[in-house]
Amino acid sequence: MTGRINFTPEALQHLHHLDDWIAEKATADTARRFVAEILDHIDSILIFPLAGRAREDVRAGVRTTNFKRRTLIAYQIDESSGALVVNVLGVFHGGQDWESALGEAQGDPEGDQ
């Protein structure tokens, strides 16, 4: 299936921080390869966008998928224009509290339940 991927500024920041962290702990080359693999995984969401786990309890329309067990990708699907658009909301690694991050930074405008 064709479509496009959009990244929120927060998701791009998450990728940048992950790249920096891995480069510091390992090497820049290792970091670059890992982030490239994450981006390939995100591209594959276009093939089966509903394969990710629905997480309506966190935010309406949010789905998640894991990459190599320790990285979680949160996204929403938008087909309102007639084309498939996957909006990547965040890339969380190593047990980060992604539920709170999405709930606080991008939560329901009516407030928490």
Protein backbone atom coordinates (compact mmCIF):
# COMPACT_ATOMS: atom_id res chain seq x y z
CA MET A 1 0.00 0.00 0.00
CA THR A 2 1.20 3.49 -0.72
CA GLY A 3 0.98 6.42 1.58
CA ARG A 4 3.22 8.75 3.48
CA ILE A 5 4.78 9.08 6.89
CA ASN A 6 4.67 12.32 8.89
CA PHE A 7 6.71 12.86 12.03
CA THR A 8 5.64 15.20 14.80
CA PRO A 9 8.38 17.52 16.07
CA GLU A 10 8.39 15.45 19.27
CA ALA A 11 8.99 12.21 17.34
CA LEU A 12 11.88 13.79 15.44
CA GLN A 13 13.32 15.01 18.73
CA HIS A 14 13.00 11.49 20.20
CA LEU A 15 14.94 10.04 17.25
CA HIS A 16 17.61 12.72 17.59
CA HIS A 17 18.02 12.07 21.34
CA LEU A 18 18.17 8.31 20.76
CA ASP A 19 20.84 8.80 18.10
CA ASP A 20 22.87 10.98 20.46
CA TRP A 21 22.50 8.54 23.35
CA ILE A 22 23.60 5.51 21.31
CA ALA A 23 26.49 7.47 19.78
CA GLU A 24 27.65 8.37 23.28
CA LYS A 25 27.33 4.81 24.62
CA ALA A 26 28.62 3.03 21.48
CA THR A 27 29.61 4.75 18.23
CA ALA A 28 28.08 7.23 15.80
CA ASP A 29 27.99 4.50 13.15
CA THR A 30 26.07 2.16 15.47
CA ALA A 31 23.62 4.96 16.28
CA ARG A 32 23.11 5.80 12.61
CA ARG A 33 22.41 2.14 11.74
CA PHE A 34 19.96 1.69 14.62
CA VAL A 35 18.00 4.84 13.76
CA ALA A 36 17.96 3.82 10.07
CA GLU A 37 16.49 0.45 11.08
CA ILE A 38 13.81 2.23 13.14
CA LEU A 39 12.95 4.39 10.13
CA ASP A 40 12.69 1.27 7.94
CA HIS A 41 10.36 -0.27 10.53
CA ILE A 42 8.23 2.88 10.51
CA ASP A 43 8.05 2.76 6.70
CA SER A 44 6.72 -0.80 6.97
CA ILE A 45 3.70 0.48 8.92
CA LEU A 46 2.32 1.63 5.56
CA ILE A 47 1.94 -2.02 4.51
CA PHE A 48 -0.21 -3.05 7.50
CA PRO A 49 -1.17 0.14 9.35
CA LEU A 50 -3.71 -1.61 11.58
CA ALA A 51 -1.21 -4.24 12.73
CA GLY A 52 -0.10 -2.04 15.59
CA ARG A 53 -1.84 -2.39 18.93
CA ALA A 54 -4.75 0.02 19.43
CA ARG A 55 -4.24 2.15 22.56
CA GLU A 56 -7.45 4.11 22.84
CA ASP A 57 -6.87 4.15 26.61
CA VAL A 58 -3.94 6.51 26.07
CA ARG A 59 -5.34 8.72 23.31
CA ALA A 60 -8.01 8.37 20.64
CA GLY A 61 -6.66 6.71 17.52
CA VAL A 62 -3.22 5.86 18.93
CA ARG A 63 -1.60 2.62 17.86
CA THR A 64 1.78 1.25 18.93
CA THR A 65 4.32 -1.11 17.48
CA ASN A 66 7.60 -2.33 18.92
CA PHE A 67 11.00 -2.43 17.33
CA LYS A 68 13.54 -4.89 18.75
CA ARG A 69 11.52 -5.19 21.97
CA ARG A 70 12.95 -2.05 23.61
CA THR A 71 11.71 0.67 21.25
CA LEU A 72 8.06 1.64 21.03
CA ILE A 73 6.64 3.67 18.17
CA ALA A 74 3.34 5.50 18.76
CA TYR A 75 1.36 6.58 15.71
CA GLN A 76 -2.04 7.51 14.35
CA ILE A 77 -3.57 6.67 10.99
CA ASP A 78 -5.24 9.40 8.95
CA GLU A 79 -7.16 8.58 5.79
CA SER A 80 -9.35 11.69 5.79
CA SER A 81 -7.76 12.96 2.57
CA GLY A 82 -8.38 9.66 0.78
CA ALA A 83 -4.71 8.74 1.08
CA LEU A 84 -3.05 6.83 3.89
CA VAL A 85 -1.01 9.03 6.21
CA VAL A 86 0.79 7.61 9.23
CA ASN A 87 1.50 10.30 11.79
CA VAL A 88 4.34 9.20 14.07
CA LEU A 89 3.74 10.74 17.48
CA GLY A 90 6.78 9.44 19.29
CA VAL A 91 9.65 6.97 19.43
CA PHE A 92 10.32 5.78 22.97
CA HIS A 93 13.20 3.59 24.08
CA GLY A 94 14.13 1.61 27.15
CA GLY A 95 11.03 1.86 29.27
CA GLN A 96 10.34 5.57 28.87
CA ASP A 97 6.90 6.58 30.14
CA TRP A 98 5.37 7.07 26.71
CA GLU A 99 1.79 6.95 28.00
CA SER A 100 2.33 10.01 30.18
CA ALA A 101 4.32 11.78 27.47
CA LEU A 102 1.52 11.39 24.94
CA GLY A 103 -1.17 12.09 27.49
CA GLU A 104 0.45 15.30 28.77
CA ALA A 105 2.02 16.71 25.62
CA GLN A 106 -0.66 15.75 23.13
CA GLY A 107 -3.61 14.74 25.25
CA ASP A 108 -7.32 15.29 25.11
CA PRO A 109 -8.15 19.02 24.92
CA GLU A 110 -10.97 18.48 27.41
CA GLY A 111 -8.51 17.31 30.03
CA ASP A 112 -7.76 13.97 31.64
CA GLN A 113 -10.55 11.65 32.66
